[in-house]
């Protein structure tokens, strides 16, 4: 019975990841693509690992998989936030350079 429940949960996790891929492809803005990708990756990975744990029962594999899951659930939003902050700084730098160039052209 747990094998069937685990299979269903893994299929739902894979479906979530595929829907996230559609979201990433549909959005044009980088930050929205990053948001769609990071959220669906985290939730999809959570569902897939939970399905694997249900399917295998409580073993050392389950303990290791849950530890990996905990690391991913904590690290994925942090990494996505760092990438978004770096992108925002880079966009501000590009905009500042563009403003400096247009201000410098008017002085000739």
PDB file of N, CA and C in Angstrom:
ATOM      1  N   UNK A   1       0.809  -1.196   0.000  1.00  0.00           N
ATOM      2  CA  UNK A   1       0.000   0.000   0.000  1.00  0.00           C
ATOM      3  C   UNK A   1       0.857   1.267   0.000  1.00  0.00           C
ATOM      4  N   UNK A   2       1.914   1.283   0.838  1.00  0.00           N
ATOM      5  CA  UNK A   2       2.789   2.455   0.871  1.00  0.00           C
ATOM      6  C   UNK A   2       3.537   2.647  -0.447  1.00  0.00           C
ATOM      7  N   UNK A   3       3.797   1.536  -1.164  1.00  0.00           N
ATOM      8  CA  UNK A   3       4.457   1.660  -2.453  1.00  0.00           C
ATOM      9  C   UNK A   3       3.584   2.431  -3.438  1.00  0.00           C
ATOM     10  N   UNK A   4       2.294   2.151  -3.427  1.00  0.00           N
ATOM     11  CA  UNK A   4       1.366   2.839  -4.327  1.00  0.00           C
ATOM     12  C   UNK A   4       1.262   4.315  -3.944  1.00  0.00           C
ATOM     13  N   UNK A   5       1.159   4.614  -2.669  1.00  0.00           N
ATOM     14  CA  UNK A   5       1.096   6.010  -2.213  1.00  0.00           C
ATOM     15  C   UNK A   5       2.392   6.734  -2.575  1.00  0.00           C
ATOM     16  N   UNK A   6       3.521   6.076  -2.387  1.00  0.00           N
ATOM     17  CA  UNK A   6       4.806   6.670  -2.752  1.00  0.00           C
ATOM     18  C   UNK A   6       4.899   6.946  -4.238  1.00  0.00           C
ATOM     19  N   UNK A   7       4.403   6.024  -5.055  1.00  0.00           N
ATOM     20  CA  UNK A   7       4.410   6.235  -6.496  1.00  0.00           C
ATOM     21  C   UNK A   7       3.548   7.429  -6.890  1.00  0.00           C
ATOM     22  N   UNK A   8       2.381   7.548  -6.275  1.00  0.00           N
ATOM     23  CA  UNK A   8       1.482   8.665  -6.591  1.00  0.00           C
ATOM     24  C   UNK A   8       2.121   9.992  -6.177  1.00  0.00           C
ATOM     25  N   UNK A   9       2.737  10.032  -5.025  1.00  0.00           N
ATOM     26  CA  UNK A   9       3.385  11.264  -4.557  1.00  0.00           C
ATOM     27  C   UNK A   9       4.562  11.635  -5.470  1.00  0.00           C
ATOM     28  N   UNK A  10       5.331  10.641  -5.912  1.00  0.00           N
ATOM     29  CA  UNK A  10       6.447  10.923  -6.836  1.00  0.00           C
ATOM     30  C   UNK A  10       5.934  11.430  -8.180  1.00  0.00           C
ATOM     31  N   UNK A  11       4.838  10.866  -8.666  1.00  0.00           N
ATOM     32  CA  UNK A  11       4.270  11.334  -9.933  1.00  0.00           C
ATOM     33  C   UNK A  11       3.773  12.777  -9.788  1.00  0.00           C
ATOM     34  N   UNK A  12       3.136  13.077  -8.653  1.00  0.00           N
ATOM     35  CA  UNK A  12       2.711  14.459  -8.420  1.00  0.00           C
ATOM     36  C   UNK A  12       3.908  15.413  -8.359  1.00  0.00           C
ATOM     37  N   UNK A  13       5.001  14.984  -7.738  1.00  0.00           N
ATOM     38  CA  UNK A  13       6.204  15.811  -7.685  1.00  0.00           C
ATOM     39  C   UNK A  13       6.793  16.051  -9.056  1.00  0.00           C
ATOM     40  N   UNK A  14       6.827  15.003  -9.881  1.00  0.00           N
ATOM     41  CA  UNK A  14       7.330  15.170 -11.244  1.00  0.00           C
ATOM     42  C   UNK A  14       6.425  16.090 -12.044  1.00  0.00           C
ATOM     43  N   UNK A  15       5.111  15.983 -11.844  1.00  0.00           N
ATOM     44  CA  UNK A  15       4.173  16.865 -12.541  1.00  0.00           C
ATOM     45  C   UNK A  15       4.376  18.316 -12.112  1.00  0.00           C
ATOM     46  N   UNK A  16       4.636  18.543 -10.825  1.00  0.00           N
ATOM     47  CA  UNK A  16       4.911  19.902 -10.350  1.00  0.00           C
ATOM     48  C   UNK A  16       6.163  20.480 -11.002  1.00  0.00           C
ATOM     49  N   UNK A  17       7.195  19.665 -11.128  1.00  0.00           N
ATOM     50  CA  UNK A  17       8.426  20.139 -11.755  1.00  0.00           C
ATOM     51  C   UNK A  17       8.178  20.478 -13.229  1.00  0.00           C
ATOM     52  N   UNK A  18       7.408  19.661 -13.924  1.00  0.00           N
ATOM     53  CA  UNK A  18       7.089  19.946 -15.328  1.00  0.00           C
ATOM     54  C   UNK A  18       6.245  21.209 -15.465  1.00  0.00           C
ATOM     55  N   UNK A  19       5.282  21.406 -14.574  1.00  0.00           N
ATOM     56  CA  UNK A  19       4.504  22.642 -14.603  1.00  0.00           C
ATOM     57  C   UNK A  19       5.384  23.856 -14.306  1.00  0.00           C
ATOM     58  N   UNK A  20       6.351  23.698 -13.439  1.00  0.00           N
ATOM     59  CA  UNK A  20       7.298  24.780 -13.173  1.00  0.00           C
ATOM     60  C   UNK A  20       8.129  25.121 -14.389  1.00  0.00           C
ATOM     61  N   UNK A  21       8.469  24.104 -15.169  1.00  0.00           N
ATOM     62  CA  UNK A  21       9.209  24.346 -16.406  1.00  0.00           C
ATOM     63  C   UNK A  21       8.378  25.180 -17.375  1.00  0.00           C
ATOM     64  N   UNK A  22       7.100  24.883 -17.446  1.00  0.00           N
ATOM     65  CA  UNK A  22       6.207  25.683 -18.296  1.00  0.00           C
ATOM     66  C   UNK A  22       6.171  27.124 -17.805  1.00  0.00           C
ATOM     67  N   UNK A  23       6.109  27.314 -16.502  1.00  0.00           N
ATOM     68  CA  UNK A  23       6.123  28.661 -15.942  1.00  0.00           C
ATOM     69  C   UNK A  23       7.409  29.406 -16.250  1.00  0.00           C
ATOM     70  N   UNK A  24       8.518  28.709 -16.171  1.00  0.00           N
ATOM     71  CA  UNK A  24       9.804  29.349 -16.480  1.00  0.00           C
ATOM     72  C   UNK A  24       9.846  29.769 -17.941  1.00  0.00           C
ATOM     73  N   UNK A  25       9.325  28.946 -18.810  1.00  0.00           N
ATOM     74  CA  UNK A  25       9.344  29.271 -20.234  1.00  0.00           C
ATOM     75  C   UNK A  25       8.358  30.379 -20.599  1.00  0.00           C
ATOM     76  N   UNK A  26       7.272  30.495 -19.862  1.00  0.00           N
ATOM     77  CA  UNK A  26       6.249  31.497 -20.186  1.00  0.00           C
ATOM     78  C   UNK A  26       6.620  32.889 -19.699  1.00  0.00           C
ATOM     79  N   UNK A  27       7.256  32.987 -18.543  1.00  0.00           N
ATOM     80  CA  UNK A  27       7.610  34.298 -18.010  1.00  0.00           C
ATOM     81  C   UNK A  27       8.760  34.898 -18.797  1.00  0.00           C
ATOM     82  N   UNK A  28       8.704  36.212 -19.001  1.00  0.00           N
ATOM     83  CA  UNK A  28       9.764  36.906 -19.744  1.00  0.00           C
ATOM     84  C   UNK A  28      10.775  37.564 -18.811  1.00  0.00           C
ATOM     85  N   UNK A  29      10.349  37.971 -17.636  1.00  0.00           N
ATOM     86  CA  UNK A  29      11.228  38.642 -16.688  1.00  0.00           C
ATOM     87  C   UNK A  29      12.087  37.608 -15.948  1.00  0.00           C
ATOM     88  N   UNK A  30      13.360  37.931 -15.782  1.00  0.00           N
ATOM     89  CA  UNK A  30      14.290  37.000 -15.145  1.00  0.00           C
ATOM     90  C   UNK A  30      13.883  36.667 -13.726  1.00  0.00           C
ATOM     91  N   UNK A  31      13.454  37.667 -12.961  1.00  0.00           N
ATOM     92  CA  UNK A  31      13.116  37.401 -11.568  1.00  0.00           C
ATOM     93  C   UNK A  31      11.876  36.510 -11.441  1.00  0.00           C
ATOM     94  N   UNK A  32      10.916  36.680 -12.347  1.00  0.00           N
ATOM     95  CA  UNK A  32       9.745  35.798 -12.328  1.00  0.00           C
ATOM     96  C   UNK A  32      10.119  34.376 -12.736  1.00  0.00           C
ATOM     97  N   UNK A  33      11.027  34.252 -13.690  1.00  0.00           N
ATOM     98  CA  UNK A  33      11.509  32.919 -14.076  1.00  0.00           C
ATOM     99  C   UNK A  33      12.224  32.259 -12.904  1.00  0.00           C
ATOM    100  N   UNK A  34      13.037  33.019 -12.214  1.00  0.00           N
ATOM    101  CA  UNK A  34      13.752  32.493 -11.052  1.00  0.00           C
ATOM    102  C   UNK A  34      12.783  32.079  -9.945  1.00  0.00           C
ATOM    103  N   UNK A  35      11.757  32.887  -9.715  1.00  0.00           N
ATOM    104  CA  UNK A  35      10.763  32.557  -8.703  1.00  0.00           C
ATOM    105  C   UNK A  35      10.021  31.271  -9.063  1.00  0.00           C
ATOM    106  N   UNK A  36       9.564  31.185 -10.296  1.00  0.00           N
ATOM    107  CA  UNK A  36       8.828  29.987 -10.723  1.00  0.00           C
ATOM    108  C   UNK A  36       9.708  28.747 -10.639  1.00  0.00           C
ATOM    109  N   UNK A  37      10.944  28.871 -11.070  1.00  0.00           N
ATOM    110  CA  UNK A  37      11.846  27.727 -11.037  1.00  0.00           C
ATOM    111  C   UNK A  37      12.203  27.284  -9.636  1.00  0.00           C
ATOM    112  N   UNK A  38      12.514  28.232  -8.772  1.00  0.00           N
ATOM    113  CA  UNK A  38      12.958  27.848  -7.425  1.00  0.00           C
ATOM    114  C   UNK A  38      11.814  27.287  -6.585  1.00  0.00           C
ATOM    115  N   UNK A  39      10.640  27.856  -6.702  1.00  0.00           N
ATOM    116  CA  UNK A  39       9.518  27.357  -5.894  1.00  0.00           C
ATOM    117  C   UNK A  39       9.089  25.966  -6.337  1.00  0.00           C
ATOM    118  N   UNK A  40       8.944  25.775  -7.645  1.00  0.00           N
ATOM    119  CA  UNK A  40       8.488  24.468  -8.108  1.00  0.00           C
ATOM    120  C   UNK A  40       9.564  23.405  -7.937  1.00  0.00           C
ATOM    121  N   UNK A  41      10.819  23.782  -8.049  1.00  0.00           N
ATOM    122  CA  UNK A  41      11.891  22.816  -7.786  1.00  0.00           C
ATOM    123  C   UNK A  41      11.869  22.340  -6.337  1.00  0.00           C
ATOM    124  N   UNK A  42      11.687  23.279  -5.421  1.00  0.00           N
ATOM    125  CA  UNK A  42      11.667  22.916  -4.004  1.00  0.00           C
ATOM    126  C   UNK A  42      10.476  22.020  -3.686  1.00  0.00           C
ATOM    127  N   UNK A  43       9.293  22.410  -4.127  1.00  0.00           N
ATOM    128  CA  UNK A  43       8.098  21.627  -3.817  1.00  0.00           C
ATOM    129  C   UNK A  43       8.124  20.287  -4.553  1.00  0.00           C
ATOM    130  N   UNK A  44       8.541  20.290  -5.817  1.00  0.00           N
ATOM    131  CA  UNK A  44       8.624  19.042  -6.566  1.00  0.00           C
ATOM    132  C   UNK A  44       9.645  18.084  -5.983  1.00  0.00           C
ATOM    133  N   UNK A  45      10.807  18.604  -5.606  1.00  0.00           N
ATOM    134  CA  UNK A  45      11.831  17.765  -4.992  1.00  0.00           C
ATOM    135  C   UNK A  45      11.344  17.206  -3.662  1.00  0.00           C
ATOM    136  N   UNK A  46      10.644  18.047  -2.897  1.00  0.00           N
ATOM    137  CA  UNK A  46      10.082  17.596  -1.628  1.00  0.00           C
ATOM    138  C   UNK A  46       9.128  16.424  -1.851  1.00  0.00           C
ATOM    139  N   UNK A  47       8.252  16.553  -2.833  1.00  0.00           N
ATOM    140  CA  UNK A  47       7.279  15.485  -3.103  1.00  0.00           C
ATOM    141  C   UNK A  47       7.963  14.213  -3.601  1.00  0.00           C
ATOM    142  N   UNK A  48       8.958  14.360  -4.451  1.00  0.00           N
ATOM    143  CA  UNK A  48       9.647  13.180  -4.983  1.00  0.00           C
ATOM    144  C   UNK A  48      10.394  12.439  -3.872  1.00  0.00           C
ATOM    145  N   UNK A  49      11.105  13.183  -3.040  1.00  0.00           N
ATOM    146  CA  UNK A  49      11.840  12.537  -1.941  1.00  0.00           C
ATOM    147  C   UNK A  49      10.877  11.938  -0.920  1.00  0.00           C
ATOM    148  N   UNK A  50       9.779  12.625  -0.643  1.00  0.00           N
ATOM    149  CA  UNK A  50       8.781  12.066   0.266  1.00  0.00           C
ATOM    150  C   UNK A  50       8.201  10.771  -0.298  1.00  0.00           C
ATOM    151  N   UNK A  51       7.942  10.731  -1.597  1.00  0.00           N
ATOM    152  CA  UNK A  51       7.461   9.503  -2.226  1.00  0.00           C
ATOM    153  C   UNK A  51       8.481   8.378  -2.150  1.00  0.00           C
ATOM    154  N   UNK A  52       9.745   8.720  -2.345  1.00  0.00           N
ATOM    155  CA  UNK A  52      10.795   7.704  -2.210  1.00  0.00           C
ATOM    156  C   UNK A  52      10.867   7.163  -0.787  1.00  0.00           C
ATOM    157  N   UNK A  53      10.722   8.066   0.189  1.00  0.00           N
ATOM    158  CA  UNK A  53      10.765   7.625   1.587  1.00  0.00           C
ATOM    159  C   UNK A  53       9.577   6.737   1.926  1.00  0.00           C
ATOM    160  N   UNK A  54       8.408   7.097   1.438  1.00  0.00           N
ATOM    161  CA  UNK A  54       7.238   6.254   1.672  1.00  0.00           C
ATOM    162  C   UNK A  54       7.402   4.889   1.024  1.00  0.00           C
ATOM    163  N   UNK A  55       7.972   4.881  -0.150  1.00  0.00           N
ATOM    164  CA  UNK A  55       8.128   3.637  -0.906  1.00  0.00           C
ATOM    165  C   UNK A  55       9.152   2.702  -0.262  1.00  0.00           C
ATOM    166  N   UNK A  56      10.220   3.262   0.279  1.00  0.00           N
ATOM    167  CA  UNK A  56      11.290   2.408   0.814  1.00  0.00           C
ATOM    168  C   UNK A  56      11.089   2.033   2.278  1.00  0.00           C
ATOM    169  N   UNK A  57      10.179   2.698   2.974  1.00  0.00           N
ATOM    170  CA  UNK A  57      10.019   2.414   4.398  1.00  0.00           C
ATOM    171  C   UNK A  57      11.078   3.159   5.200  1.00  0.00           C
ATOM    172  N   UNK A  58      11.130   2.920   6.507  1.00  0.00           N
ATOM    173  CA  UNK A  58      12.105   3.619   7.344  1.00  0.00           C
ATOM    174  C   UNK A  58      13.408   2.826   7.384  1.00  0.00           C
ATOM    175  N   UNK A  59      14.380   3.312   6.626  1.00  0.00           N
ATOM    176  CA  UNK A  59      15.703   2.686   6.571  1.00  0.00           C
ATOM    177  C   UNK A  59      16.755   3.795   6.671  1.00  0.00           C
ATOM    178  N   UNK A  60      18.015   3.407   6.546  1.00  0.00           N
ATOM    179  CA  UNK A  60      19.083   4.404   6.504  1.00  0.00           C
ATOM    180  C   UNK A  60      18.953   5.277   5.265  1.00  0.00           C
ATOM    181  N   UNK A  61      18.469   4.669   4.187  1.00  0.00           N
ATOM    182  CA  UNK A  61      18.235   5.453   2.971  1.00  0.00           C
ATOM    183  C   UNK A  61      17.243   6.580   3.246  1.00  0.00           C
ATOM    184  N   UNK A  62      16.186   6.290   3.981  1.00  0.00           N
ATOM    185  CA  UNK A  62      15.182   7.300   4.299  1.00  0.00           C
ATOM    186  C   UNK A  62      15.783   8.422   5.135  1.00  0.00           C
ATOM    187  N   UNK A  63      16.594   8.061   6.099  1.00  0.00           N
ATOM    188  CA  UNK A  63      17.229   9.079   6.940  1.00  0.00           C
ATOM    189  C   UNK A  63      18.146   9.974   6.118  1.00  0.00           C
ATOM    190  N   UNK A  64      18.916   9.380   5.219  1.00  0.00           N
ATOM    191  CA  UNK A  64      19.809  10.172   4.371  1.00  0.00           C
ATOM    192  C   UNK A  64      19.017  11.053   3.417  1.00  0.00           C
ATOM    193  N   UNK A  65      17.955  10.499   2.846  1.00  0.00           N
ATOM    194  CA  UNK A  65      17.128  11.269   1.912  1.00  0.00           C
ATOM    195  C   UNK A  65      16.456  12.442   2.611  1.00  0.00           C
ATOM    196  N   UNK A  66      15.994  12.231   3.835  1.00  0.00           N
ATOM    197  CA  UNK A  66      15.375  13.334   4.581  1.00  0.00           C
ATOM    198  C   UNK A  66      16.390  14.399   4.961  1.00  0.00           C
ATOM    199  N   UNK A  67      17.624  13.993   5.239  1.00  0.00           N
ATOM    200  CA  UNK A  67      18.676  14.967   5.520  1.00  0.00           C
ATOM    201  C   UNK A  67      18.986  15.807   4.279  1.00  0.00           C
ATOM    202  N   UNK A  68      19.082  15.155   3.143  1.00  0.00           N
ATOM    203  CA  UNK A  68      19.301  15.885   1.886  1.00  0.00           C
ATOM    204  C   UNK A  68      18.129  16.814   1.603  1.00  0.00           C
ATOM    205  N   UNK A  69      16.923  16.338   1.862  1.00  0.00           N
ATOM    206  CA  UNK A  69      15.733  17.155   1.658  1.00  0.00           C
ATOM    207  C   UNK A  69      15.769  18.405   2.533  1.00  0.00           C
ATOM    208  N   UNK A  70      16.174  18.258   3.771  1.00  0.00           N
ATOM    209  CA  UNK A  70      16.270  19.413   4.668  1.00  0.00           C
ATOM    210  C   UNK A  70      17.271  20.435   4.160  1.00  0.00           C
ATOM    211  N   UNK A  71      18.407  19.962   3.654  1.00  0.00           N
ATOM    212  CA  UNK A  71      19.418  20.876   3.116  1.00  0.00           C
ATOM    213  C   UNK A  71      18.876  21.618   1.895  1.00  0.00           C
ATOM    214  N   UNK A  72      18.199  20.905   1.014  1.00  0.00           N
ATOM    215  CA  UNK A  72      17.671  21.531  -0.199  1.00  0.00           C
ATOM    216  C   UNK A  72      16.567  22.527   0.145  1.00  0.00           C
ATOM    217  N   UNK A  73      15.693  22.177   1.075  1.00  0.00           N
ATOM    218  CA  UNK A  73      14.596  23.076   1.447  1.00  0.00           C
ATOM    219  C   UNK A  73      15.134  24.366   2.061  1.00  0.00           C
ATOM    220  N   UNK A  74      16.240  24.301   2.759  1.00  0.00           N
ATOM    221  CA  UNK A  74      16.837  25.510   3.336  1.00  0.00           C
ATOM    222  C   UNK A  74      17.681  26.256   2.304  1.00  0.00           C
ATOM    223  N   UNK A  75      18.451  25.533   1.509  1.00  0.00           N
ATOM    224  CA  UNK A  75      19.414  26.178   0.616  1.00  0.00           C
ATOM    225  C   UNK A  75      18.779  26.762  -0.646  1.00  0.00           C
ATOM    226  N   UNK A  76      17.774  26.129  -1.195  1.00  0.00           N
ATOM    227  CA  UNK A  76      17.221  26.586  -2.469  1.00  0.00           C
ATOM    228  C   UNK A  76      16.671  28.011  -2.391  1.00  0.00           C
ATOM    229  N   UNK A  77      15.858  28.392  -1.408  1.00  0.00           N
ATOM    230  CA  UNK A  77      15.404  29.782  -1.349  1.00  0.00           C
ATOM    231  C   UNK A  77      16.540  30.777  -1.095  1.00  0.00           C
ATOM    232  N   UNK A  78      17.526  30.374  -0.315  1.00  0.00           N
ATOM    233  CA  UNK A  78      18.658  31.262  -0.039  1.00  0.00           C
ATOM    234  C   UNK A  78      19.452  31.525  -1.320  1.00  0.00           C
ATOM    235  N   UNK A  79      19.705  30.473  -2.082  1.00  0.00           N
ATOM    236  CA  UNK A  79      20.448  30.622  -3.330  1.00  0.00           C
ATOM    237  C   UNK A  79      19.654  31.449  -4.333  1.00  0.00           C
ATOM    238  N   UNK A  80      18.359  31.214  -4.428  1.00  0.00           N
ATOM    239  CA  UNK A  80      17.527  31.984  -5.353  1.00  0.00           C
ATOM    240  C   UNK A  80      17.513  33.457  -4.970  1.00  0.00           C
ATOM    241  N   UNK A  81      17.470  33.739  -3.682  1.00  0.00           N
ATOM    242  CA  UNK A  81      17.501  35.121  -3.221  1.00  0.00           C
ATOM    243  C   UNK A  81      18.839  35.783  -3.540  1.00  0.00           C
ATOM    244  N   UNK A  82      19.924  35.053  -3.375  1.00  0.00           N
ATOM    245  CA  UNK A  82      21.248  35.600  -3.693  1.00  0.00           C
ATOM    246  C   UNK A  82      21.383  35.876  -5.191  1.00  0.00           C
ATOM    247  N   UNK A  83      20.868  34.984  -6.009  1.00  0.00           N
ATOM    248  CA  UNK A  83      20.911  35.199  -7.459  1.00  0.00           C
ATOM    249  C   UNK A  83      20.084  36.421  -7.834  1.00  0.00           C
ATOM    250  N   UNK A  84      18.890  36.566  -7.248  1.00  0.00           N
ATOM    251  CA  UNK A  84      18.036  37.715  -7.549  1.00  0.00           C
ATOM    252  C   UNK A  84      18.695  39.020  -7.099  1.00  0.00           C
ATOM    253  N   UNK A  85      19.339  39.019  -5.943  1.00  0.00           N
ATOM    254  CA  UNK A  85      20.017  40.225  -5.465  1.00  0.00           C
ATOM    255  C   UNK A  85      21.187  40.586  -6.368  1.00  0.00           C
ATOM    256  N   UNK A  86      21.934  39.595  -6.810  1.00  0.00           N
ATOM    257  CA  UNK A  86      23.035  39.859  -7.739  1.00  0.00           C
ATOM    258  C   UNK A  86      22.537  40.395  -9.061  1.00  0.00           C
ATOM    259  N   UNK A  87      21.439  39.868  -9.538  1.00  0.00           N
ATOM    260  CA  UNK A  87      20.860  40.355 -10.794  1.00  0.00           C
ATOM    261  C   UNK A  87      20.382  41.799 -10.644  1.00  0.00           C
ATOM    262  N   UNK A  88      19.769  42.132  -9.503  1.00  0.00           N
ATOM    263  CA  UNK A  88      19.311  43.495  -9.264  1.00  0.00           C
ATOM    264  C   UNK A  88      20.487  44.471  -9.197  1.00  0.00           C
ATOM    265  N   UNK A  89      21.581  44.054  -8.540  1.00  0.00           N
ATOM    266  CA  UNK A  89      22.769  44.915  -8.495  1.00  0.00           C
ATOM    267  C   UNK A  89      23.363  45.121  -9.881  1.00  0.00           C
ATOM    268  N   UNK A  90      23.388  44.057 -10.680  1.00  0.00           N
ATOM    269  CA  UNK A  90      23.928  44.160 -12.029  1.00  0.00           C
ATOM    270  C   UNK A  90      23.058  45.069 -12.894  1.00  0.00           C
ATOM    271  N   UNK A  91      21.738  44.966 -12.764  1.00  0.00           N
ATOM    272  CA  UNK A  91      20.837  45.824 -13.530  1.00  0.00           C
ATOM    273  C   UNK A  91      21.001  47.280 -13.112  1.00  0.00           C
ATOM    274  N   UNK A  92      21.172  47.541 -11.809  1.00  0.00           N
ATOM    275  CA  UNK A  92      21.387  48.906 -11.340  1.00  0.00           C
ATOM    276  C   UNK A  92      22.707  49.460 -11.869  1.00  0.00           C
ATOM    277  N   UNK A  93      23.736  48.618 -11.929  1.00  0.00           N
ATOM    278  CA  UNK A  93      25.026  49.043 -12.458  1.00  0.00           C
ATOM    279  C   UNK A  93      24.923  49.376 -13.946  1.00  0.00           C
ATOM    280  N   UNK A  94      24.209  48.563 -14.697  1.00  0.00           N
ATOM    281  CA  UNK A  94      24.027  48.822 -16.124  1.00  0.00           C
ATOM    282  C   UNK A  94      23.259  50.119 -16.336  1.00  0.00           C
ATOM    283  N   UNK A  95      22.226  50.334 -15.547  1.00  0.00           N
ATOM    284  CA  UNK A  95      21.439  51.565 -15.661  1.00  0.00           C
ATOM    285  C   UNK A  95      22.276  52.789 -15.291  1.00  0.00           C
ATOM    286  N   UNK A  96      23.121  52.663 -14.271  1.00  0.00           N
ATOM    287  CA  UNK A  96      23.993  53.770 -13.882  1.00  0.00           C
ATOM    288  C   UNK A  96      24.997  54.078 -14.983  1.00  0.00           C
ATOM    289  N   UNK A  97      25.571  53.064 -15.604  1.00  0.00           N
ATOM    290  CA  UNK A  97      26.502  53.279 -16.718  1.00  0.00           C
ATOM    291  C   UNK A  97      25.809  53.967 -17.884  1.00  0.00           C
ATOM    292  N   UNK A  98      24.579  53.555 -18.162  1.00  0.00           N
ATOM    293  CA  UNK A  98      23.819  54.166 -19.258  1.00  0.00           C
ATOM    294  C   UNK A  98      23.547  55.636 -18.951  1.00  0.00           C
ATOM    295  N   UNK A  99      23.214  55.951 -17.706  1.00  0.00           N
ATOM    296  CA  UNK A  99      22.961  57.331 -17.304  1.00  0.00           C
ATOM    297  C   UNK A  99      24.242  58.146 -17.382  1.00  0.00           C
ATOM    298  N   UNK A 100      25.371  57.577 -16.968  1.00  0.00           N
ATOM    299  CA  UNK A 100      26.650  58.289 -17.024  1.00  0.00           C
ATOM    300  C   UNK A 100      27.048  58.588 -18.466  1.00  0.00           C
ATOM    301  N   UNK A 101      26.816  57.623 -19.369  1.00  0.00           N
ATOM    302  CA  UNK A 101      27.166  57.856 -20.776  1.00  0.00           C
ATOM    303  C   UNK A 101      26.321  58.941 -21.418  1.00  0.00           C
ATOM    304  N   UNK A 102      25.036  58.950 -21.137  1.00  0.00           N
ATOM    305  CA  UNK A 102      24.178  59.974 -21.736  1.00  0.00           C
ATOM    306  C   UNK A 102      24.462  61.353 -21.141  1.00  0.00           C
ATOM    307  N   UNK A 103      24.837  61.409 -19.873  1.00  0.00           N
ATOM    308  CA  UNK A 103      25.191  62.695 -19.254  1.00  0.00           C
ATOM    309  C   UNK A 103      26.522  63.187 -19.811  1.00  0.00           C
ATOM    310  N   UNK A 104      27.446  62.307 -20.097  1.00  0.00           N
ATOM    311  CA  UNK A 104      28.751  62.685 -20.640  1.00  0.00           C
ATOM    312  C   UNK A 104      28.670  63.145 -22.088  1.00  0.00           C
ATOM    313  N   UNK A 105      27.716  62.652 -22.859  1.00  0.00           N
ATOM    314  CA  UNK A 105      27.578  63.054 -24.255  1.00  0.00           C
ATOM    315  C   UNK A 105      27.084  64.473 -24.412  1.00  0.00           C
ATOM    316  N   UNK A 106      26.316  64.963 -23.464  1.00  0.00           N
ATOM    317  CA  UNK A 106      25.768  66.317 -23.554  1.00  0.00           C
ATOM    318  C   UNK A 106      26.803  67.391 -23.251  1.00  0.00           C
ATOM    319  N   UNK A 107      27.950  67.065 -22.681  1.00  0.00           N
ATOM    320  CA  UNK A 107      28.956  68.051 -22.285  1.00  0.00           C
ATOM    321  C   UNK A 107      29.865  68.461 -23.434  1.00  0.00           C
ATOM    322  N   UNK A 108      29.865  67.724 -24.541  1.00  0.00           N
ATOM    323  CA  UNK A 108      30.766  68.074 -25.648  1.00  0.00           C
ATOM    324  C   UNK A 108      30.434  69.350 -26.324  1.00  0.00           C
TER     325      UNK A 108
END
